[in-house]
Amino acid sequence: MAERDRIMVWPVYIDSQKSREDGRKISVRDALEAPTLKEIEEAAKRLGFNPVTEPEKAYPKEWWEVKGRVLVDKTKPKSVILKEIAAEIKRMRG
């Protein structure tokens, strides 16, 4: 599948402890605290987004911290996918 058919999900995109300036893409209300790569991957799998995990990648704004990213199928707008993944992680956490 071509790169343009997928979107990158960096943990910072859905982390409530990060500011919009730091890279958070969804509202604090929808975001969650310290999401892990495994949680993002599992949530994306449950939602049928066909995730591919790349643990060796570093978010460009924080290039010194290698936290990884997850690539998912672009079936909806990015903001909708991010909110759905965050909501699924919240359900998984109980």
PDB file of N, CA and C in Angstrom:
ATOM      1  N   MET A   1       0.846  -1.184   0.000  1.00  0.00           N
ATOM      2  CA  MET A   1       0.000   0.000   0.000  1.00  0.00           C
ATOM      3  C   MET A   1       0.893   1.251   0.000  1.00  0.00           C
ATOM      4  N   ALA A   2       0.562   2.202  -0.799  1.00  0.00           N
ATOM      5  CA  ALA A   2       1.362   3.418  -0.914  1.00  0.00           C
ATOM      6  C   ALA A   2       1.296   4.249   0.367  1.00  0.00           C
ATOM      7  N   GLU A   3       2.362   4.985   0.624  1.00  0.00           N
ATOM      8  CA  GLU A   3       2.454   5.830   1.828  1.00  0.00           C
ATOM      9  C   GLU A   3       1.303   6.841   1.900  1.00  0.00           C
ATOM     10  N   ARG A   4       0.843   7.334   0.755  1.00  0.00           N
ATOM     11  CA  ARG A   4      -0.220   8.347   0.774  1.00  0.00           C
ATOM     12  C   ARG A   4      -1.578   7.771   1.193  1.00  0.00           C
ATOM     13  N   ASP A   5      -1.692   6.452   1.178  1.00  0.00           N
ATOM     14  CA  ASP A   5      -2.930   5.801   1.593  1.00  0.00           C
ATOM     15  C   ASP A   5      -2.953   5.514   3.089  1.00  0.00           C
ATOM     16  N   ARG A   6      -1.923   5.952   3.799  1.00  0.00           N
ATOM     17  CA  ARG A   6      -1.805   5.703   5.230  1.00  0.00           C
ATOM     18  C   ARG A   6      -1.512   7.030   5.943  1.00  0.00           C
ATOM     19  N   ILE A   7      -1.828   7.080   7.214  1.00  0.00           N
ATOM     20  CA  ILE A   7      -1.466   8.249   8.007  1.00  0.00           C
ATOM     21  C   ILE A   7      -0.580   7.794   9.157  1.00  0.00           C
ATOM     22  N   MET A   8       0.265   8.704   9.604  1.00  0.00           N
ATOM     23  CA  MET A   8       1.137   8.435  10.738  1.00  0.00           C
ATOM     24  C   MET A   8       0.413   8.814  12.024  1.00  0.00           C
ATOM     25  N   VAL A   9       0.528   7.951  13.007  1.00  0.00           N
ATOM     26  CA  VAL A   9      -0.009   8.255  14.331  1.00  0.00           C
ATOM     27  C   VAL A   9       1.169   8.234  15.301  1.00  0.00           C
ATOM     28  N   TRP A  10       1.627   9.416  15.675  1.00  0.00           N
ATOM     29  CA  TRP A  10       2.676   9.547  16.679  1.00  0.00           C
ATOM     30  C   TRP A  10       1.974   9.613  18.039  1.00  0.00           C
ATOM     31  N   PRO A  11       2.545   9.017  19.086  1.00  0.00           N
ATOM     32  CA  PRO A  11       1.920   9.088  20.415  1.00  0.00           C
ATOM     33  C   PRO A  11       1.604  10.518  20.859  1.00  0.00           C
ATOM     34  N   VAL A  12       2.446  11.469  20.489  1.00  0.00           N
ATOM     35  CA  VAL A  12       2.236  12.865  20.887  1.00  0.00           C
ATOM     36  C   VAL A  12       0.915  13.421  20.344  1.00  0.00           C
ATOM     37  N   TYR A  13       0.415  12.882  19.227  1.00  0.00           N
ATOM     38  CA  TYR A  13      -0.821  13.369  18.612  1.00  0.00           C
ATOM     39  C   TYR A  13      -2.034  13.231  19.532  1.00  0.00           C
ATOM     40  N   ILE A  14      -2.018  12.215  20.423  1.00  0.00           N
ATOM     41  CA  ILE A  14      -3.185  11.965  21.277  1.00  0.00           C
ATOM     42  C   ILE A  14      -2.839  12.044  22.764  1.00  0.00           C
ATOM     43  N   ASP A  15      -1.702  12.659  23.098  1.00  0.00           N
ATOM     44  CA  ASP A  15      -1.235  12.761  24.488  1.00  0.00           C
ATOM     45  C   ASP A  15      -1.759  14.046  25.134  1.00  0.00           C
ATOM     46  N   SER A  16      -2.578  13.899  26.162  1.00  0.00           N
ATOM     47  CA  SER A  16      -3.183  15.061  26.825  1.00  0.00           C
ATOM     48  C   SER A  16      -2.163  15.911  27.577  1.00  0.00           C
ATOM     49  N   GLN A  17      -0.985  15.366  27.836  1.00  0.00           N
ATOM     50  CA  GLN A  17       0.054  16.114  28.556  1.00  0.00           C
ATOM     51  C   GLN A  17       0.859  17.031  27.628  1.00  0.00           C
ATOM     52  N   LYS A  18       0.628  16.914  26.335  1.00  0.00           N
ATOM     53  CA  LYS A  18       1.330  17.745  25.351  1.00  0.00           C
ATOM     54  C   LYS A  18       0.422  18.882  24.901  1.00  0.00           C
ATOM     55  N   SER A  19       1.034  19.983  24.529  1.00  0.00           N
ATOM     56  CA  SER A  19       0.265  21.128  24.032  1.00  0.00           C
ATOM     57  C   SER A  19       0.095  20.994  22.516  1.00  0.00           C
ATOM     58  N   ARG A  20      -0.759  21.826  21.972  1.00  0.00           N
ATOM     59  CA  ARG A  20      -0.931  21.848  20.509  1.00  0.00           C
ATOM     60  C   ARG A  20       0.403  22.214  19.859  1.00  0.00           C
ATOM     61  N   GLU A  21       1.133  23.125  20.497  1.00  0.00           N
ATOM     62  CA  GLU A  21       2.430  23.545  19.980  1.00  0.00           C
ATOM     63  C   GLU A  21       3.431  22.387  19.963  1.00  0.00           C
ATOM     64  N   ASP A  22       3.321  21.502  20.945  1.00  0.00           N
ATOM     65  CA  ASP A  22       4.211  20.335  21.015  1.00  0.00           C
ATOM     66  C   ASP A  22       3.830  19.253  20.015  1.00  0.00           C
ATOM     67  N   GLY A  23       2.603  19.324  19.474  1.00  0.00           N
ATOM     68  CA  GLY A  23       2.214  18.369  18.447  1.00  0.00           C
ATOM     69  C   GLY A  23       0.894  17.658  18.656  1.00  0.00           C
ATOM     70  N   ARG A  24       0.202  17.915  19.773  1.00  0.00           N
ATOM     71  CA  ARG A  24      -1.084  17.265  19.988  1.00  0.00           C
ATOM     72  C   ARG A  24      -2.061  17.708  18.900  1.00  0.00           C
ATOM     73  N   LYS A  25      -2.804  16.761  18.330  1.00  0.00           N
ATOM     74  CA  LYS A  25      -3.706  17.062  17.214  1.00  0.00           C
ATOM     75  C   LYS A  25      -5.186  17.072  17.592  1.00  0.00           C
ATOM     76  N   ILE A  26      -5.533  16.499  18.749  1.00  0.00           N
ATOM     77  CA  ILE A  26      -6.934  16.449  19.148  1.00  0.00           C
ATOM     78  C   ILE A  26      -7.108  17.221  20.459  1.00  0.00           C
ATOM     79  N   SER A  27      -8.340  17.510  20.816  1.00  0.00           N
ATOM     80  CA  SER A  27      -8.589  18.293  22.025  1.00  0.00           C
ATOM     81  C   SER A  27      -8.146  17.528  23.268  1.00  0.00           C
ATOM     82  N   VAL A  28      -7.860  18.257  24.333  1.00  0.00           N
ATOM     83  CA  VAL A  28      -7.445  17.642  25.596  1.00  0.00           C
ATOM     84  C   VAL A  28      -8.547  16.708  26.097  1.00  0.00           C
ATOM     85  N   ARG A  29      -9.789  17.093  25.894  1.00  0.00           N
ATOM     86  CA  ARG A  29     -10.935  16.276  26.320  1.00  0.00           C
ATOM     87  C   ARG A  29     -10.910  14.893  25.647  1.00  0.00           C
ATOM     88  N   ASP A  30     -10.545  14.849  24.381  1.00  0.00           N
ATOM     89  CA  ASP A  30     -10.510  13.590  23.640  1.00  0.00           C
ATOM     90  C   ASP A  30      -9.199  12.821  23.832  1.00  0.00           C
ATOM     91  N   ALA A  31      -8.143  13.525  24.211  1.00  0.00           N
ATOM     92  CA  ALA A  31      -6.818  12.921  24.349  1.00  0.00           C
ATOM     93  C   ALA A  31      -6.702  12.134  25.654  1.00  0.00           C
ATOM     94  N   LEU A  32      -5.596  11.412  25.804  1.00  0.00           N
ATOM     95  CA  LEU A  32      -5.368  10.647  27.018  1.00  0.00           C
ATOM     96  C   LEU A  32      -3.923  10.798  27.466  1.00  0.00           C
ATOM     97  N   GLU A  33      -3.662  10.415  28.700  1.00  0.00           N
ATOM     98  CA  GLU A  33      -2.340  10.601  29.282  1.00  0.00           C
ATOM     99  C   GLU A  33      -1.389   9.483  28.876  1.00  0.00           C
ATOM    100  N   ALA A  34      -0.236   9.869  28.364  1.00  0.00           N
ATOM    101  CA  ALA A  34       0.877   8.975  28.034  1.00  0.00           C
ATOM    102  C   ALA A  34       0.484   7.714  27.267  1.00  0.00           C
ATOM    103  N   PRO A  35      -0.072   7.851  26.058  1.00  0.00           N
ATOM    104  CA  PRO A  35      -0.391   6.652  25.272  1.00  0.00           C
ATOM    105  C   PRO A  35       0.885   5.953  24.820  1.00  0.00           C
ATOM    106  N   THR A  36       0.877   4.634  24.828  1.00  0.00           N
ATOM    107  CA  THR A  36       2.052   3.873  24.392  1.00  0.00           C
ATOM    108  C   THR A  36       1.854   3.387  22.959  1.00  0.00           C
ATOM    109  N   LEU A  37       2.958   3.019  22.348  1.00  0.00           N
ATOM    110  CA  LEU A  37       2.915   2.510  20.984  1.00  0.00           C
ATOM    111  C   LEU A  37       2.075   1.232  20.914  1.00  0.00           C
ATOM    112  N   LYS A  38       2.213   0.362  21.896  1.00  0.00           N
ATOM    113  CA  LYS A  38       1.444  -0.893  21.923  1.00  0.00           C
ATOM    114  C   LYS A  38      -0.055  -0.621  22.044  1.00  0.00           C
ATOM    115  N   GLU A  39      -0.426   0.379  22.857  1.00  0.00           N
ATOM    116  CA  GLU A  39      -1.840   0.734  22.994  1.00  0.00           C
ATOM    117  C   GLU A  39      -2.397   1.260  21.677  1.00  0.00           C
ATOM    118  N   ILE A  40      -1.630   2.112  21.023  1.00  0.00           N
ATOM    119  CA  ILE A  40      -2.070   2.675  19.741  1.00  0.00           C
ATOM    120  C   ILE A  40      -2.232   1.561  18.712  1.00  0.00           C
ATOM    121  N   GLU A  41      -1.256   0.673  18.660  1.00  0.00           N
ATOM    122  CA  GLU A  41      -1.314  -0.442  17.715  1.00  0.00           C
ATOM    123  C   GLU A  41      -2.527  -1.340  17.992  1.00  0.00           C
ATOM    124  N   GLU A  42      -2.752  -1.692  19.243  1.00  0.00           N
ATOM    125  CA  GLU A  42      -3.874  -2.562  19.603  1.00  0.00           C
ATOM    126  C   GLU A  42      -5.216  -1.900  19.287  1.00  0.00           C
ATOM    127  N   ALA A  43      -5.349  -0.602  19.622  1.00  0.00           N
ATOM    128  CA  ALA A  43      -6.590   0.124  19.338  1.00  0.00           C
ATOM    129  C   ALA A  43      -6.851   0.185  17.835  1.00  0.00           C
ATOM    130  N   ALA A  44      -5.799   0.475  17.054  1.00  0.00           N
ATOM    131  CA  ALA A  44      -5.946   0.549  15.597  1.00  0.00           C
ATOM    132  C   ALA A  44      -6.341  -0.814  15.026  1.00  0.00           C
ATOM    133  N   LYS A  45      -5.777  -1.876  15.593  1.00  0.00           N
ATOM    134  CA  LYS A  45      -6.107  -3.239  15.154  1.00  0.00           C
ATOM    135  C   LYS A  45      -7.581  -3.538  15.428  1.00  0.00           C
ATOM    136  N   ARG A  46      -8.043  -3.190  16.636  1.00  0.00           N
ATOM    137  CA  ARG A  46      -9.436  -3.424  17.007  1.00  0.00           C
ATOM    138  C   ARG A  46     -10.405  -2.643  16.124  1.00  0.00           C
ATOM    139  N   LEU A  47      -9.970  -1.447  15.677  1.00  0.00           N
ATOM    140  CA  LEU A  47     -10.824  -0.605  14.846  1.00  0.00           C
ATOM    141  C   LEU A  47     -10.715  -0.935  13.354  1.00  0.00           C
ATOM    142  N   GLY A  48      -9.851  -1.883  13.004  1.00  0.00           N
ATOM    143  CA  GLY A  48      -9.712  -2.316  11.622  1.00  0.00           C
ATOM    144  C   GLY A  48      -8.901  -1.385  10.735  1.00  0.00           C
ATOM    145  N   PHE A  49      -7.938  -0.665  11.319  1.00  0.00           N
ATOM    146  CA  PHE A  49      -7.129   0.281  10.546  1.00  0.00           C
ATOM    147  C   PHE A  49      -5.836  -0.331  10.002  1.00  0.00           C
ATOM    148  N   ASN A  50      -5.639  -1.651  10.170  1.00  0.00           N
ATOM    149  CA  ASN A  50      -4.474  -2.331   9.604  1.00  0.00           C
ATOM    150  C   ASN A  50      -3.158  -1.639  10.001  1.00  0.00           C
ATOM    151  N   PRO A  51      -2.820  -1.598  11.302  1.00  0.00           N
ATOM    152  CA  PRO A  51      -1.641  -0.853  11.746  1.00  0.00           C
ATOM    153  C   PRO A  51      -0.302  -1.509  11.405  1.00  0.00           C
ATOM    154  N   VAL A  52       0.694  -0.661  11.148  1.00  0.00           N
ATOM    155  CA  VAL A  52       2.079  -1.089  10.959  1.00  0.00           C
ATOM    156  C   VAL A  52       2.899  -0.255  11.935  1.00  0.00           C
ATOM    157  N   THR A  53       3.552  -0.921  12.892  1.00  0.00           N
ATOM    158  CA  THR A  53       4.318  -0.225  13.918  1.00  0.00           C
ATOM    159  C   THR A  53       5.763  -0.039  13.475  1.00  0.00           C
ATOM    160  N   GLU A  54       6.277   1.159  13.699  1.00  0.00           N
ATOM    161  CA  GLU A  54       7.672   1.478  13.399  1.00  0.00           C
ATOM    162  C   GLU A  54       8.316   2.022  14.684  1.00  0.00           C
ATOM    163  N   PRO A  55       8.789   1.132  15.563  1.00  0.00           N
ATOM    164  CA  PRO A  55       9.300   1.559  16.867  1.00  0.00           C
ATOM    165  C   PRO A  55      10.607   2.347  16.821  1.00  0.00           C
ATOM    166  N   GLU A  56      11.332   2.303  15.718  1.00  0.00           N
ATOM    167  CA  GLU A  56      12.633   2.976  15.632  1.00  0.00           C
ATOM    168  C   GLU A  56      12.533   4.437  15.192  1.00  0.00           C
ATOM    169  N   LYS A  57      11.331   4.934  14.964  1.00  0.00           N
ATOM    170  CA  LYS A  57      11.149   6.308  14.489  1.00  0.00           C
ATOM    171  C   LYS A  57      11.068   7.303  15.645  1.00  0.00           C
ATOM    172  N   ALA A  58      11.522   8.518  15.385  1.00  0.00           N
ATOM    173  CA  ALA A  58      11.458   9.594  16.377  1.00  0.00           C
ATOM    174  C   ALA A  58      10.641  10.752  15.805  1.00  0.00           C
ATOM    175  N   TYR A  59       9.746  11.295  16.637  1.00  0.00           N
ATOM    176  CA  TYR A  59       8.931  12.433  16.220  1.00  0.00           C
ATOM    177  C   TYR A  59       9.861  13.599  15.898  1.00  0.00           C
ATOM    178  N   PRO A  60       9.730  14.226  14.722  1.00  0.00           N
ATOM    179  CA  PRO A  60      10.669  15.269  14.299  1.00  0.00           C
ATOM    180  C   PRO A  60      10.905  16.403  15.310  1.00  0.00           C
ATOM    181  N   LYS A  61       9.860  16.837  16.027  1.00  0.00           N
ATOM    182  CA  LYS A  61      10.051  17.914  17.006  1.00  0.00           C
ATOM    183  C   LYS A  61      10.828  17.453  18.238  1.00  0.00           C
ATOM    184  N   GLU A  62      10.842  16.142  18.460  1.00  0.00           N
ATOM    185  CA  GLU A  62      11.580  15.562  19.594  1.00  0.00           C
ATOM    186  C   GLU A  62      12.490  14.461  19.045  1.00  0.00           C
ATOM    187  N   TRP A  63      13.361  14.823  18.119  1.00  0.00           N
ATOM    188  CA  TRP A  63      14.192  13.867  17.401  1.00  0.00           C
ATOM    189  C   TRP A  63      15.107  13.048  18.307  1.00  0.00           C
ATOM    190  N   TRP A  64      15.392  13.528  19.495  1.00  0.00           N
ATOM    191  CA  TRP A  64      16.298  12.836  20.413  1.00  0.00           C
ATOM    192  C   TRP A  64      15.601  11.711  21.195  1.00  0.00           C
ATOM    193  N   GLU A  65      14.263  11.669  21.144  1.00  0.00           N
ATOM    194  CA  GLU A  65      13.498  10.635  21.840  1.00  0.00           C
ATOM    195  C   GLU A  65      12.867   9.687  20.822  1.00  0.00           C
ATOM    196  N   VAL A  66      13.354   8.469  20.779  1.00  0.00           N
ATOM    197  CA  VAL A  66      12.816   7.481  19.852  1.00  0.00           C
ATOM    198  C   VAL A  66      11.652   6.765  20.535  1.00  0.00           C
ATOM    199  N   LYS A  67      10.433   7.166  20.159  1.00  0.00           N
ATOM    200  CA  LYS A  67       9.224   6.598  20.749  1.00  0.00           C
ATOM    201  C   LYS A  67       8.417   5.800  19.742  1.00  0.00           C
ATOM    202  N   GLY A  68       8.745   5.919  18.464  1.00  0.00           N
ATOM    203  CA  GLY A  68       8.057   5.174  17.426  1.00  0.00           C
ATOM    204  C   GLY A  68       6.790   5.833  16.926  1.00  0.00           C
ATOM    205  N   ARG A  69       6.208   5.198  15.918  1.00  0.00           N
ATOM    206  CA  ARG A  69       4.946   5.663  15.332  1.00  0.00           C
ATOM    207  C   ARG A  69       4.199   4.460  14.779  1.00  0.00           C
ATOM    208  N   VAL A  70       2.926   4.672  14.481  1.00  0.00           N
ATOM    209  CA  VAL A  70       2.094   3.624  13.897  1.00  0.00           C
ATOM    210  C   VAL A  70       1.486   4.182  12.615  1.00  0.00           C
ATOM    211  N   LEU A  71       1.582   3.425  11.535  1.00  0.00           N
ATOM    212  CA  LEU A  71       0.943   3.800  10.278  1.00  0.00           C
ATOM    213  C   LEU A  71      -0.387   3.065  10.197  1.00  0.00           C
ATOM    214  N   VAL A  72      -1.442   3.775   9.839  1.00  0.00           N
ATOM    215  CA  VAL A  72      -2.769   3.165   9.718  1.00  0.00           C
ATOM    216  C   VAL A  72      -3.387   3.542   8.377  1.00  0.00           C
ATOM    217  N   ASP A  73      -4.320   2.715   7.930  1.00  0.00           N
ATOM    218  CA  ASP A  73      -5.020   2.990   6.673  1.00  0.00           C
ATOM    219  C   ASP A  73      -5.813   4.283   6.789  1.00  0.00           C
ATOM    220  N   LYS A  74      -5.761   5.093   5.741  1.00  0.00           N
ATOM    221  CA  LYS A  74      -6.502   6.355   5.722  1.00  0.00           C
ATOM    222  C   LYS A  74      -7.882   6.095   5.120  1.00  0.00           C
ATOM    223  N   THR A  75      -8.816   5.760   6.005  1.00  0.00           N
ATOM    224  CA  THR A  75     -10.179   5.477   5.562  1.00  0.00           C
ATOM    225  C   THR A  75     -11.128   6.619   5.899  1.00  0.00           C
ATOM    226  N   LYS A  76     -10.653   7.526   6.754  1.00  0.00           N
ATOM    227  CA  LYS A  76     -11.436   8.674   7.225  1.00  0.00           C
ATOM    228  C   LYS A  76     -10.480   9.851   7.387  1.00  0.00           C
ATOM    229  N   PRO A  77     -10.996  11.037   7.690  1.00  0.00           N
ATOM    230  CA  PRO A  77     -10.105  12.161   7.979  1.00  0.00           C
ATOM    231  C   PRO A  77      -9.198  11.859   9.178  1.00  0.00           C
ATOM    232  N   LYS A  78      -7.997  12.395   9.156  1.00  0.00           N
ATOM    233  CA  LYS A  78      -7.006  12.123  10.197  1.00  0.00           C
ATOM    234  C   LYS A  78      -7.539  12.416  11.600  1.00  0.00           C
ATOM    235  N   SER A  79      -8.202  13.540  11.785  1.00  0.00           N
ATOM    236  CA  SER A  79      -8.692  13.907  13.115  1.00  0.00           C
ATOM    237  C   SER A  79      -9.706  12.892  13.639  1.00  0.00           C
ATOM    238  N   VAL A  80     -10.526  12.353  12.758  1.00  0.00           N
ATOM    239  CA  VAL A  80     -11.524  11.354  13.151  1.00  0.00           C
ATOM    240  C   VAL A  80     -10.828  10.067  13.580  1.00  0.00           C
ATOM    241  N   ILE A  81      -9.843   9.644  12.817  1.00  0.00           N
ATOM    242  CA  ILE A  81      -9.087   8.430  13.151  1.00  0.00           C
ATOM    243  C   ILE A  81      -8.392   8.588  14.499  1.00  0.00           C
ATOM    244  N   LEU A  82      -7.762   9.736  14.731  1.00  0.00           N
ATOM    245  CA  LEU A  82      -7.056   9.972  15.999  1.00  0.00           C
ATOM    246  C   LEU A  82      -8.022   9.928  17.179  1.00  0.00           C
ATOM    247  N   LYS A  83      -9.193  10.552  17.031  1.00  0.00           N
ATOM    248  CA  LYS A  83     -10.195  10.534  18.108  1.00  0.00           C
ATOM    249  C   LYS A  83     -10.696   9.122  18.370  1.00  0.00           C
ATOM    250  N   GLU A  84     -10.907   8.355  17.319  1.00  0.00           N
ATOM    251  CA  GLU A  84     -11.376   6.977  17.481  1.00  0.00           C
ATOM    252  C   GLU A  84     -10.333   6.115  18.182  1.00  0.00           C
ATOM    253  N   ILE A  85      -9.065   6.285  17.814  1.00  0.00           N
ATOM    254  CA  ILE A  85      -7.989   5.524  18.463  1.00  0.00           C
ATOM    255  C   ILE A  85      -7.891   5.895  19.934  1.00  0.00           C
ATOM    256  N   ALA A  86      -7.942   7.192  20.244  1.00  0.00           N
ATOM    257  CA  ALA A  86      -7.880   7.639  21.643  1.00  0.00           C
ATOM    258  C   ALA A  86      -9.062   7.089  22.444  1.00  0.00           C
ATOM    259  N   ALA A  87     -10.253   7.117  21.864  1.00  0.00           N
ATOM    260  CA  ALA A  87     -11.443   6.603  22.553  1.00  0.00           C
ATOM    261  C   ALA A  87     -11.327   5.106  22.805  1.00  0.00           C
ATOM    262  N   GLU A  88     -10.781   4.377  21.840  1.00  0.00           N
ATOM    263  CA  GLU A  88     -10.615   2.930  22.002  1.00  0.00           C
ATOM    264  C   GLU A  88      -9.589   2.617  23.088  1.00  0.00           C
ATOM    265  N   ILE A  89      -8.526   3.395  23.165  1.00  0.00           N
ATOM    266  CA  ILE A  89      -7.528   3.194  24.227  1.00  0.00           C
ATOM    267  C   ILE A  89      -8.172   3.450  25.593  1.00  0.00           C
ATOM    268  N   LYS A  90      -8.997   4.479  25.680  1.00  0.00           N
ATOM    269  CA  LYS A  90      -9.701   4.757  26.943  1.00  0.00           C
ATOM    270  C   LYS A  90     -10.575   3.571  27.343  1.00  0.00           C
ATOM    271  N   ARG A  91     -11.271   2.970  26.361  1.00  0.00           N
ATOM    272  CA  ARG A  91     -12.087   1.775  26.641  1.00  0.00           C
ATOM    273  C   ARG A  91     -11.213   0.616  27.085  1.00  0.00           C
ATOM    274  N   MET A  92     -10.065   0.443  26.436  1.00  0.00           N
ATOM    275  CA  MET A  92      -9.158  -0.648  26.782  1.00  0.00           C
ATOM    276  C   MET A  92      -8.597  -0.490  28.189  1.00  0.00           C
ATOM    277  N   ARG A  93      -8.347   0.741  28.588  1.00  0.00           N
ATOM    278  CA  ARG A  93      -7.821   1.000  29.930  1.00  0.00           C
ATOM    279  C   ARG A  93      -8.877   0.794  31.003  1.00  0.00           C
ATOM    280  N   GLY A  94     -10.127   0.836  30.582  1.00  0.00           N
ATOM    281  CA  GLY A  94     -11.225   0.613  31.524  1.00  0.00           C
ATOM    282  C   GLY A  94     -11.648   1.866  32.154  1.00  0.00           C
TER     283      GLY A  94
END
